[in-house]
Amino acid sequence: VALLKKGWKQEDLALHLGITPAYISQILNGRREGLRIRRKIPALLGIS
């Protein structure tokens, strides 16, 4: 929802996080933990 509000795609989020789109997809689909990355997402998207 936050991505939609910003007009971003997963690829945009990945770019801002310095990771590949495949890696963000794996995190969102529960195939990878990505704790370090997950801690950065809220600040980028303005969510808690």
All heavy atoms as atom14 arrays in JSON, in Angstrom:
{
  "sequence": "VALLKKGWKQEDLALHLGITPAYISQILNGRREGLRIRRKIPALLGIS",
  "atom14_mask": [
    [1, 1, 1, 1, 1, 1, 1, 0, 0, 0, 0, 0, 0, 0],
    [1, 1, 1, 1, 1, 0, 0, 0, 0, 0, 0, 0, 0, 0],
    [1, 1, 1, 1, 1, 1, 1, 1, 0, 0, 0, 0, 0, 0],
    [1, 1, 1, 1, 1, 1, 1, 1, 0, 0, 0, 0, 0, 0],
    [1, 1, 1, 1, 1, 1, 1, 1, 1, 0, 0, 0, 0, 0],
    [1, 1, 1, 1, 1, 1, 1, 1, 1, 0, 0, 0, 0, 0],
    [1, 1, 1, 1, 0, 0, 0, 0, 0, 0, 0, 0, 0, 0],
    [1, 1, 1, 1, 1, 1, 1, 1, 1, 1, 1, 1, 1, 1],
    [1, 1, 1, 1, 1, 1, 1, 1, 1, 0, 0, 0, 0, 0],
    [1, 1, 1, 1, 1, 1, 1, 1, 1, 0, 0, 0, 0, 0],
    [1, 1, 1, 1, 1, 1, 1, 1, 1, 0, 0, 0, 0, 0],
    [1, 1, 1, 1, 1, 1, 1, 1, 0, 0, 0, 0, 0, 0],
    [1, 1, 1, 1, 1, 1, 1, 1, 0, 0, 0, 0, 0, 0],
    [1, 1, 1, 1, 1, 0, 0, 0, 0, 0, 0, 0, 0, 0],
    [1, 1, 1, 1, 1, 1, 1, 1, 0, 0, 0, 0, 0, 0],
    [1, 1, 1, 1, 1, 1, 1, 1, 1, 1, 0, 0, 0, 0],
    [1, 1, 1, 1, 1, 1, 1, 1, 0, 0, 0, 0, 0, 0],
    [1, 1, 1, 1, 0, 0, 0, 0, 0, 0, 0, 0, 0, 0],
    [1, 1, 1, 1, 1, 1, 1, 1, 0, 0, 0, 0, 0, 0],
    [1, 1, 1, 1, 1, 1, 1, 0, 0, 0, 0, 0, 0, 0],
    [1, 1, 1, 1, 1, 1, 1, 0, 0, 0, 0, 0, 0, 0],
    [1, 1, 1, 1, 1, 0, 0, 0, 0, 0, 0, 0, 0, 0],
    [1, 1, 1, 1, 1, 1, 1, 1, 1, 1, 1, 1, 0, 0],
    [1, 1, 1, 1, 1, 1, 1, 1, 0, 0, 0, 0, 0, 0],
    [1, 1, 1, 1, 1, 1, 0, 0, 0, 0, 0, 0, 0, 0],
    [1, 1, 1, 1, 1, 1, 1, 1, 1, 0, 0, 0, 0, 0],
    [1, 1, 1, 1, 1, 1, 1, 1, 0, 0, 0, 0, 0, 0],
    [1, 1, 1, 1, 1, 1, 1, 1, 0, 0, 0, 0, 0, 0],
    [1, 1, 1, 1, 1, 1, 1, 1, 0, 0, 0, 0, 0, 0],
    [1, 1, 1, 1, 0, 0, 0, 0, 0, 0, 0, 0, 0, 0],
    [1, 1, 1, 1, 1, 1, 1, 1, 1, 1, 1, 0, 0, 0],
    [1, 1, 1, 1, 1, 1, 1, 1, 1, 1, 1, 0, 0, 0],
    [1, 1, 1, 1, 1, 1, 1, 1, 1, 0, 0, 0, 0, 0],
    [1, 1, 1, 1, 0, 0, 0, 0, 0, 0, 0, 0, 0, 0],
    [1, 1, 1, 1, 1, 1, 1, 1, 0, 0, 0, 0, 0, 0],
    [1, 1, 1, 1, 1, 1, 1, 1, 1, 1, 1, 0, 0, 0],
    [1, 1, 1, 1, 1, 1, 1, 1, 0, 0, 0, 0, 0, 0],
    [1, 1, 1, 1, 1, 1, 1, 1, 1, 1, 1, 0, 0, 0],
    [1, 1, 1, 1, 1, 1, 1, 1, 1, 1, 1, 0, 0, 0],
    [1, 1, 1, 1, 1, 1, 1, 1, 1, 0, 0, 0, 0, 0],
    [1, 1, 1, 1, 1, 1, 1, 1, 0, 0, 0, 0, 0, 0],
    [1, 1, 1, 1, 1, 1, 1, 0, 0, 0, 0, 0, 0, 0],
    [1, 1, 1, 1, 1, 0, 0, 0, 0, 0, 0, 0, 0, 0],
    [1, 1, 1, 1, 1, 1, 1, 1, 0, 0, 0, 0, 0, 0],
    [1, 1, 1, 1, 1, 1, 1, 1, 0, 0, 0, 0, 0, 0],
    [1, 1, 1, 1, 0, 0, 0, 0, 0, 0, 0, 0, 0, 0],
    [1, 1, 1, 1, 1, 1, 1, 1, 0, 0, 0, 0, 0, 0],
    [1, 1, 1, 1, 1, 1, 0, 0, 0, 0, 0, 0, 0, 0]
  ],
  "atom14_positions": [
    [[0.84, -1.21, 0.0], [0.0, 0.0, 0.0], [0.87, 1.25, 0.0], [0.63, 2.2, -0.75], [-0.98, -0.01, 1.2], [-1.64, 1.34, 1.39], [-2.02, -1.11, 1.02], [0.0, 0.0, 0.0], [0.0, 0.0, 0.0], [0.0, 0.0, 0.0], [0.0, 0.0, 0.0], [0.0, 0.0, 0.0], [0.0, 0.0, 0.0], [0.0, 0.0, 0.0]],
    [[1.91, 1.25, 0.83], [2.82, 2.41, 0.9], [3.54, 2.61, -0.44], [3.74, 3.75, -0.87], [3.83, 2.22, 2.03], [0.0, 0.0, 0.0], [0.0, 0.0, 0.0], [0.0, 0.0, 0.0], [0.0, 0.0, 0.0], [0.0, 0.0, 0.0], [0.0, 0.0, 0.0], [0.0, 0.0, 0.0], [0.0, 0.0, 0.0], [0.0, 0.0, 0.0]],
    [[3.91, 1.52, -1.1], [4.54, 1.63, -2.41], [3.59, 2.29, -3.4], [3.99, 3.17, -4.17], [4.97, 0.25, -2.93], [6.19, -0.39, -2.27], [6.35, -1.83, -2.73], [7.44, 0.41, -2.55], [0.0, 0.0, 0.0], [0.0, 0.0, 0.0], [0.0, 0.0, 0.0], [0.0, 0.0, 0.0], [0.0, 0.0, 0.0], [0.0, 0.0, 0.0]],
    [[2.34, 1.86, -3.39], [1.35, 2.45, -4.29], [1.17, 3.94, -4.03], [1.08, 4.73, -4.97], [0.0, 1.73, -4.14], [-0.11, 0.36, -4.78], [-1.43, -0.3, -4.4], [0.01, 0.46, -6.29], [0.0, 0.0, 0.0], [0.0, 0.0, 0.0], [0.0, 0.0, 0.0], [0.0, 0.0, 0.0], [0.0, 0.0, 0.0], [0.0, 0.0, 0.0]],
    [[1.11, 4.32, -2.76], [0.93, 5.73, -2.4], [2.09, 6.6, -2.89], [1.9, 7.74, -3.27], [0.77, 5.88, -0.89], [-0.57, 5.44, -0.39], [-0.69, 5.64, 1.11], [-2.04, 5.19, 1.61], [-2.18, 5.37, 3.07], [0.0, 0.0, 0.0], [0.0, 0.0, 0.0], [0.0, 0.0, 0.0], [0.0, 0.0, 0.0], [0.0, 0.0, 0.0]],
    [[3.3, 6.02, -2.88], [4.46, 6.76, -3.35], [4.63, 6.68, -4.86], [5.46, 7.36, -5.44], [5.74, 6.22, -2.69], [5.9, 6.61, -1.25], [7.21, 6.12, -0.68], [8.36, 7.02, -0.91], [8.42, 8.3, -0.28], [0.0, 0.0, 0.0], [0.0, 0.0, 0.0], [0.0, 0.0, 0.0], [0.0, 0.0, 0.0], [0.0, 0.0, 0.0]],
    [[3.84, 5.81, -5.49], [3.98, 5.61, -6.92], [5.21, 4.78, -7.28], [5.73, 4.89, -8.37], [0.0, 0.0, 0.0], [0.0, 0.0, 0.0], [0.0, 0.0, 0.0], [0.0, 0.0, 0.0], [0.0, 0.0, 0.0], [0.0, 0.0, 0.0], [0.0, 0.0, 0.0], [0.0, 0.0, 0.0], [0.0, 0.0, 0.0], [0.0, 0.0, 0.0]],
    [[5.64, 3.96, -6.33], [6.82, 3.13, -6.52], [6.42, 1.7, -6.84], [5.35, 1.24, -6.47], [7.66, 3.08, -5.25], [8.45, 4.3, -4.94], [8.41, 5.5, -5.58], [9.41, 4.44, -3.89], [9.28, 6.38, -4.98], [9.9, 5.75, -3.94], [9.88, 3.59, -2.91], [10.86, 6.23, -3.06], [10.82, 4.06, -2.03], [11.31, 5.37, -2.1]],
    [[7.34, 0.99, -7.47], [7.25, -0.44, -7.67], [8.29, -1.08, -6.76], [9.13, -0.39, -6.18], [7.54, -0.8, -9.12], [6.53, -0.22, -10.09], [6.88, -0.6, -11.5], [5.86, 0.03, -12.43], [6.14, -0.27, -13.83], [0.0, 0.0, 0.0], [0.0, 0.0, 0.0], [0.0, 0.0, 0.0], [0.0, 0.0, 0.0], [0.0, 0.0, 0.0]],
    [[8.25, -2.4, -6.67], [9.26, -3.09, -5.87], [10.66, -2.77, -6.37], [11.6, -2.68, -5.57], [9.05, -4.61, -5.92], [7.91, -5.09, -5.08], [7.81, -6.6, -5.07], [8.79, -7.31, -5.32], [6.64, -7.1, -4.77], [0.0, 0.0, 0.0], [0.0, 0.0, 0.0], [0.0, 0.0, 0.0], [0.0, 0.0, 0.0], [0.0, 0.0, 0.0]],
    [[10.78, -2.57, -7.67], [12.09, -2.24, -8.25], [12.62, -0.92, -7.71], [13.81, -0.77, -7.48], [12.0, -2.19, -9.78], [11.75, -3.52, -10.42], [10.26, -3.91, -10.46], [9.39, -3.1, -10.07], [9.98, -5.04, -10.89], [0.0, 0.0, 0.0], [0.0, 0.0, 0.0], [0.0, 0.0, 0.0], [0.0, 0.0, 0.0], [0.0, 0.0, 0.0]],
    [[11.71, 0.05, -7.53], [12.11, 1.35, -6.98], [12.58, 1.21, -5.53], [13.59, 1.8, -5.13], [10.95, 2.34, -7.05], [10.48, 2.58, -8.47], [11.33, 2.87, -9.33], [9.26, 2.48, -8.7], [0.0, 0.0, 0.0], [0.0, 0.0, 0.0], [0.0, 0.0, 0.0], [0.0, 0.0, 0.0], [0.0, 0.0, 0.0], [0.0, 0.0, 0.0]],
    [[11.85, 0.42, -4.77], [12.24, 0.18, -3.38], [13.61, -0.49, -3.34], [14.47, -0.08, -2.57], [11.19, -0.69, -2.68], [11.46, -1.04, -1.22], [11.58, 0.21, -0.36], [10.35, -1.96, -0.69], [0.0, 0.0, 0.0], [0.0, 0.0, 0.0], [0.0, 0.0, 0.0], [0.0, 0.0, 0.0], [0.0, 0.0, 0.0], [0.0, 0.0, 0.0]],
    [[13.8, -1.48, -4.18], [15.09, -2.17, -4.23], [16.22, -1.2, -4.56], [17.29, -1.25, -3.94], [15.04, -3.31, -5.25], [0.0, 0.0, 0.0], [0.0, 0.0, 0.0], [0.0, 0.0, 0.0], [0.0, 0.0, 0.0], [0.0, 0.0, 0.0], [0.0, 0.0, 0.0], [0.0, 0.0, 0.0], [0.0, 0.0, 0.0], [0.0, 0.0, 0.0]],
    [[15.99, -0.34, -5.52], [17.0, 0.64, -5.91], [17.37, 1.54, -4.73], [18.56, 1.77, -4.47], [16.48, 1.49, -7.07], [17.41, 2.59, -7.57], [18.64, 1.99, -8.23], [16.69, 3.49, -8.55], [0.0, 0.0, 0.0], [0.0, 0.0, 0.0], [0.0, 0.0, 0.0], [0.0, 0.0, 0.0], [0.0, 0.0, 0.0], [0.0, 0.0, 0.0]],
    [[16.39, 2.03, -4.0], [16.66, 2.89, -2.85], [17.35, 2.15, -1.71], [18.04, 2.76, -0.9], [15.36, 3.53, -2.35], [14.9, 4.66, -3.19], [14.16, 4.48, -4.34], [15.08, 5.99, -3.06], [13.9, 5.64, -4.88], [14.45, 6.59, -4.12], [0.0, 0.0, 0.0], [0.0, 0.0, 0.0], [0.0, 0.0, 0.0], [0.0, 0.0, 0.0]],
    [[17.14, 0.84, -1.65], [17.78, 0.04, -0.61], [19.14, -0.5, -1.04], [19.87, -1.08, -0.23], [16.87, -1.14, -0.22], [15.59, -0.76, 0.51], [14.66, -1.97, 0.58], [15.9, -0.23, 1.9], [0.0, 0.0, 0.0], [0.0, 0.0, 0.0], [0.0, 0.0, 0.0], [0.0, 0.0, 0.0], [0.0, 0.0, 0.0], [0.0, 0.0, 0.0]],
    [[19.47, -0.34, -2.31], [20.76, -0.83, -2.8], [20.81, -2.34, -2.96], [21.88, -2.94, -2.78], [0.0, 0.0, 0.0], [0.0, 0.0, 0.0], [0.0, 0.0, 0.0], [0.0, 0.0, 0.0], [0.0, 0.0, 0.0], [0.0, 0.0, 0.0], [0.0, 0.0, 0.0], [0.0, 0.0, 0.0], [0.0, 0.0, 0.0], [0.0, 0.0, 0.0]],
    [[19.66, -2.93, -3.25], [19.59, -4.38, -3.44], [18.91, -4.67, -4.78], [18.39, -3.76, -5.43], [18.83, -5.08, -2.29], [17.39, -4.56, -2.19], [19.58, -4.9, -0.98], [16.54, -5.28, -1.17], [0.0, 0.0, 0.0], [0.0, 0.0, 0.0], [0.0, 0.0, 0.0], [0.0, 0.0, 0.0], [0.0, 0.0, 0.0], [0.0, 0.0, 0.0]],
    [[18.87, -5.93, -5.15], [18.23, -6.29, -6.4], [16.72, -6.44, -6.2], [16.25, -6.73, -5.09], [18.77, -7.63, -6.95], [18.39, -8.68, -6.05], [20.27, -7.59, -7.13], [0.0, 0.0, 0.0], [0.0, 0.0, 0.0], [0.0, 0.0, 0.0], [0.0, 0.0, 0.0], [0.0, 0.0, 0.0], [0.0, 0.0, 0.0], [0.0, 0.0, 0.0]],
    [[15.95, -6.26, -7.28], [14.51, -6.49, -7.18], [14.18, -7.93, -6.75], [13.22, -8.15, -6.02], [14.0, -6.21, -8.6], [15.0, -5.25, -9.16], [16.32, -5.69, -8.57], [0.0, 0.0, 0.0], [0.0, 0.0, 0.0], [0.0, 0.0, 0.0], [0.0, 0.0, 0.0], [0.0, 0.0, 0.0], [0.0, 0.0, 0.0], [0.0, 0.0, 0.0]],
    [[14.99, -8.87, -7.18], [14.77, -10.27, -6.79], [14.9, -10.44, -5.27], [14.12, -11.17, -4.65], [15.75, -11.19, -7.51], [0.0, 0.0, 0.0], [0.0, 0.0, 0.0], [0.0, 0.0, 0.0], [0.0, 0.0, 0.0], [0.0, 0.0, 0.0], [0.0, 0.0, 0.0], [0.0, 0.0, 0.0], [0.0, 0.0, 0.0], [0.0, 0.0, 0.0]],
    [[15.86, -9.74, -4.68], [16.07, -9.85, -3.23], [14.88, -9.26, -2.47], [14.41, -9.87, -1.51], [17.38, -9.15, -2.85], [17.81, -9.4, -1.43], [18.34, -10.62, -1.05], [17.7, -8.41, -0.46], [18.75, -10.85, 0.25], [18.1, -8.62, 0.83], [18.62, -9.85, 1.19], [19.01, -10.09, 2.48], [0.0, 0.0, 0.0], [0.0, 0.0, 0.0]],
    [[14.36, -8.12, -2.89], [13.21, -7.54, -2.19], [12.0, -8.44, -2.37], [11.21, -8.62, -1.44], [12.92, -6.08, -2.62], [11.98, -5.38, -1.62], [12.31, -5.98, -3.98], [12.53, -5.14, -0.29], [0.0, 0.0, 0.0], [0.0, 0.0, 0.0], [0.0, 0.0, 0.0], [0.0, 0.0, 0.0], [0.0, 0.0, 0.0], [0.0, 0.0, 0.0]],
    [[11.86, -9.05, -3.52], [10.76, -9.98, -3.75], [10.85, -11.18, -2.8], [9.84, -11.61, -2.23], [10.77, -10.46, -5.2], [9.75, -11.4, -5.42], [0.0, 0.0, 0.0], [0.0, 0.0, 0.0], [0.0, 0.0, 0.0], [0.0, 0.0, 0.0], [0.0, 0.0, 0.0], [0.0, 0.0, 0.0], [0.0, 0.0, 0.0], [0.0, 0.0, 0.0]],
    [[12.05, -11.68, -2.62], [12.24, -12.82, -1.72], [11.91, -12.44, -0.28], [11.32, -13.24, 0.46], [13.67, -13.33, -1.82], [13.97, -14.0, -3.13], [15.43, -14.3, -3.32], [16.28, -13.91, -2.51], [15.76, -14.99, -4.4], [0.0, 0.0, 0.0], [0.0, 0.0, 0.0], [0.0, 0.0, 0.0], [0.0, 0.0, 0.0], [0.0, 0.0, 0.0]],
    [[12.25, -11.24, 0.13], [11.92, -10.78, 1.48], [10.41, -10.68, 1.63], [9.83, -11.18, 2.61], [12.59, -9.43, 1.78], [14.11, -9.6, 1.88], [12.04, -8.82, 3.07], [14.88, -8.29, 1.94], [0.0, 0.0, 0.0], [0.0, 0.0, 0.0], [0.0, 0.0, 0.0], [0.0, 0.0, 0.0], [0.0, 0.0, 0.0], [0.0, 0.0, 0.0]],
    [[9.75, -10.05, 0.68], [8.3, -9.85, 0.77], [7.52, -11.16, 0.66], [6.41, -11.26, 1.2], [7.83, -8.86, -0.29], [8.36, -7.44, -0.14], [7.85, -6.56, -1.28], [7.99, -6.84, 1.2], [0.0, 0.0, 0.0], [0.0, 0.0, 0.0], [0.0, 0.0, 0.0], [0.0, 0.0, 0.0], [0.0, 0.0, 0.0], [0.0, 0.0, 0.0]],
    [[8.09, -12.13, -0.01], [7.41, -13.42, -0.15], [7.82, -14.44, 0.91], [7.43, -15.6, 0.84], [7.65, -13.98, -1.55], [6.89, -13.2, -2.59], [5.69, -12.98, -2.45], [7.57, -12.74, -3.62], [0.0, 0.0, 0.0], [0.0, 0.0, 0.0], [0.0, 0.0, 0.0], [0.0, 0.0, 0.0], [0.0, 0.0, 0.0], [0.0, 0.0, 0.0]],
    [[8.63, -13.99, 1.89], [8.99, -14.84, 3.01], [10.05, -15.89, 2.72], [10.24, -16.81, 3.51], [0.0, 0.0, 0.0], [0.0, 0.0, 0.0], [0.0, 0.0, 0.0], [0.0, 0.0, 0.0], [0.0, 0.0, 0.0], [0.0, 0.0, 0.0], [0.0, 0.0, 0.0], [0.0, 0.0, 0.0], [0.0, 0.0, 0.0], [0.0, 0.0, 0.0]],
    [[10.76, -15.76, 1.62], [11.81, -16.72, 1.29], [13.17, -16.32, 1.86], [14.09, -17.12, 1.85], [11.88, -16.92, -0.22], [10.65, -17.63, -0.77], [10.81, -18.04, -2.21], [11.16, -16.94, -3.08], [10.3, -16.27, -3.83], [9.02, -16.57, -3.82], [10.71, -15.29, -4.61], [0.0, 0.0, 0.0], [0.0, 0.0, 0.0], [0.0, 0.0, 0.0]],
    [[13.29, -15.08, 2.32], [14.53, -14.59, 2.95], [14.14, -13.73, 4.13], [13.14, -13.03, 4.1], [15.35, -13.76, 1.97], [15.94, -14.6, 0.86], [16.92, -13.79, 0.11], [18.24, -13.97, 0.68], [19.33, -13.94, -0.05], [19.27, -13.73, -1.34], [20.5, -14.1, 0.5], [0.0, 0.0, 0.0], [0.0, 0.0, 0.0], [0.0, 0.0, 0.0]],
    [[15.0, -13.76, 5.15], [14.77, -12.92, 6.33], [15.02, -11.45, 6.02], [14.16, -10.63, 6.22], [15.68, -13.36, 7.48], [15.1, -14.42, 8.36], [13.81, -14.03, 9.03], [13.77, -13.02, 9.75], [12.85, -14.76, 8.83], [0.0, 0.0, 0.0], [0.0, 0.0, 0.0], [0.0, 0.0, 0.0], [0.0, 0.0, 0.0], [0.0, 0.0, 0.0]],
    [[16.22, -11.14, 5.59], [16.57, -9.77, 5.24], [16.34, -8.77, 6.36], [15.83, -7.68, 6.13], [0.0, 0.0, 0.0], [0.0, 0.0, 0.0], [0.0, 0.0, 0.0], [0.0, 0.0, 0.0], [0.0, 0.0, 0.0], [0.0, 0.0, 0.0], [0.0, 0.0, 0.0], [0.0, 0.0, 0.0], [0.0, 0.0, 0.0], [0.0, 0.0, 0.0]],
    [[16.72, -9.14, 7.58], [16.45, -8.27, 8.74], [17.04, -6.88, 8.59], [16.39, -5.88, 8.91], [16.94, -8.92, 10.02], [16.2, -10.19, 10.44], [16.87, -10.8, 11.67], [14.74, -9.89, 10.71], [0.0, 0.0, 0.0], [0.0, 0.0, 0.0], [0.0, 0.0, 0.0], [0.0, 0.0, 0.0], [0.0, 0.0, 0.0], [0.0, 0.0, 0.0]],
    [[18.27, -6.81, 8.12], [18.92, -5.5, 7.96], [18.15, -4.63, 6.98], [17.92, -3.44, 7.23], [20.37, -5.69, 7.49], [21.16, -4.4, 7.39], [22.59, -4.66, 6.92], [22.66, -5.34, 5.64], [22.59, -4.7, 4.46], [22.45, -3.41, 4.42], [22.66, -5.38, 3.34], [0.0, 0.0, 0.0], [0.0, 0.0, 0.0], [0.0, 0.0, 0.0]],
    [[17.71, -5.22, 5.89], [16.95, -4.49, 4.89], [15.57, -4.14, 5.42], [15.08, -3.01, 5.23], [16.83, -5.33, 3.59], [18.21, -5.62, 3.0], [15.9, -4.67, 2.59], [18.98, -4.39, 2.58], [0.0, 0.0, 0.0], [0.0, 0.0, 0.0], [0.0, 0.0, 0.0], [0.0, 0.0, 0.0], [0.0, 0.0, 0.0], [0.0, 0.0, 0.0]],
    [[14.92, -5.09, 6.09], [13.57, -4.85, 6.62], [13.54, -3.68, 7.6], [12.53, -3.0, 7.71], [13.04, -6.11, 7.29], [12.6, -7.14, 6.27], [12.18, -8.43, 6.87], [11.38, -8.32, 8.07], [11.08, -9.35, 8.84], [11.51, -10.56, 8.52], [10.36, -9.19, 9.92], [0.0, 0.0, 0.0], [0.0, 0.0, 0.0], [0.0, 0.0, 0.0]],
    [[14.64, -3.45, 8.28], [14.69, -2.32, 9.23], [14.73, -0.98, 8.51], [14.38, 0.04, 9.09], [15.9, -2.48, 10.14], [15.74, -3.61, 11.11], [16.9, -3.7, 12.08], [16.72, -4.85, 12.95], [17.59, -5.83, 13.07], [18.74, -5.79, 12.41], [17.36, -6.85, 13.86], [0.0, 0.0, 0.0], [0.0, 0.0, 0.0], [0.0, 0.0, 0.0]],
    [[15.16, -0.96, 7.26], [15.27, 0.29, 6.5], [13.97, 0.65, 5.77], [13.75, 1.82, 5.45], [16.39, 0.17, 5.47], [17.76, 0.03, 6.08], [18.8, -0.11, 4.99], [20.2, -0.27, 5.56], [21.21, -0.36, 4.51], [0.0, 0.0, 0.0], [0.0, 0.0, 0.0], [0.0, 0.0, 0.0], [0.0, 0.0, 0.0], [0.0, 0.0, 0.0]],
    [[13.14, -0.32, 5.51], [11.94, -0.11, 4.7], [10.98, 0.92, 5.29], [10.52, 1.81, 4.57], [11.24, -1.45, 4.4], [12.13, -2.31, 3.51], [9.87, -1.23, 3.77], [11.62, -3.73, 3.29], [0.0, 0.0, 0.0], [0.0, 0.0, 0.0], [0.0, 0.0, 0.0], [0.0, 0.0, 0.0], [0.0, 0.0, 0.0], [0.0, 0.0, 0.0]],
    [[10.64, 0.85, 6.58], [9.67, 1.81, 7.12], [10.06, 3.27, 6.92], [9.22, 4.09, 6.55], [9.6, 1.46, 8.6], [9.99, 0.04, 8.67], [11.04, -0.13, 7.59], [0.0, 0.0, 0.0], [0.0, 0.0, 0.0], [0.0, 0.0, 0.0], [0.0, 0.0, 0.0], [0.0, 0.0, 0.0], [0.0, 0.0, 0.0], [0.0, 0.0, 0.0]],
    [[11.32, 3.59, 7.13], [11.76, 4.98, 6.96], [11.6, 5.44, 5.52], [11.2, 6.58, 5.27], [13.21, 5.13, 7.42], [0.0, 0.0, 0.0], [0.0, 0.0, 0.0], [0.0, 0.0, 0.0], [0.0, 0.0, 0.0], [0.0, 0.0, 0.0], [0.0, 0.0, 0.0], [0.0, 0.0, 0.0], [0.0, 0.0, 0.0], [0.0, 0.0, 0.0]],
    [[11.92, 4.57, 4.58], [11.79, 4.92, 3.17], [10.34, 5.14, 2.75], [10.04, 5.99, 1.93], [12.39, 3.83, 2.28], [13.89, 3.86, 2.1], [14.34, 2.61, 1.36], [14.31, 5.09, 1.32], [0.0, 0.0, 0.0], [0.0, 0.0, 0.0], [0.0, 0.0, 0.0], [0.0, 0.0, 0.0], [0.0, 0.0, 0.0], [0.0, 0.0, 0.0]],
    [[9.45, 4.34, 3.34], [8.05, 4.39, 2.92], [7.17, 5.22, 3.84], [5.99, 5.41, 3.55], [7.49, 2.96, 2.83], [8.16, 2.06, 1.8], [7.54, 0.68, 1.83], [8.06, 2.67, 0.41], [0.0, 0.0, 0.0], [0.0, 0.0, 0.0], [0.0, 0.0, 0.0], [0.0, 0.0, 0.0], [0.0, 0.0, 0.0], [0.0, 0.0, 0.0]],
    [[7.72, 5.69, 4.94], [6.94, 6.52, 5.86], [5.88, 5.73, 6.61], [4.78, 6.23, 6.85], [0.0, 0.0, 0.0], [0.0, 0.0, 0.0], [0.0, 0.0, 0.0], [0.0, 0.0, 0.0], [0.0, 0.0, 0.0], [0.0, 0.0, 0.0], [0.0, 0.0, 0.0], [0.0, 0.0, 0.0], [0.0, 0.0, 0.0], [0.0, 0.0, 0.0]],
    [[6.21, 4.48, 6.98], [5.29, 3.67, 7.77], [5.97, 3.29, 9.08], [7.18, 3.37, 9.21], [4.83, 2.41, 7.0], [6.03, 1.52, 6.63], [4.03, 2.78, 5.77], [5.64, 0.2, 5.96], [0.0, 0.0, 0.0], [0.0, 0.0, 0.0], [0.0, 0.0, 0.0], [0.0, 0.0, 0.0], [0.0, 0.0, 0.0], [0.0, 0.0, 0.0]],
    [[5.17, 2.84, 10.01], [5.7, 2.42, 11.31], [6.41, 1.09, 11.18], [5.96, 0.19, 10.47], [4.55, 2.3, 12.31], [5.02, 1.74, 13.52], [0.0, 0.0, 0.0], [0.0, 0.0, 0.0], [0.0, 0.0, 0.0], [0.0, 0.0, 0.0], [0.0, 0.0, 0.0], [0.0, 0.0, 0.0], [0.0, 0.0, 0.0], [0.0, 0.0, 0.0]]
  ]
}
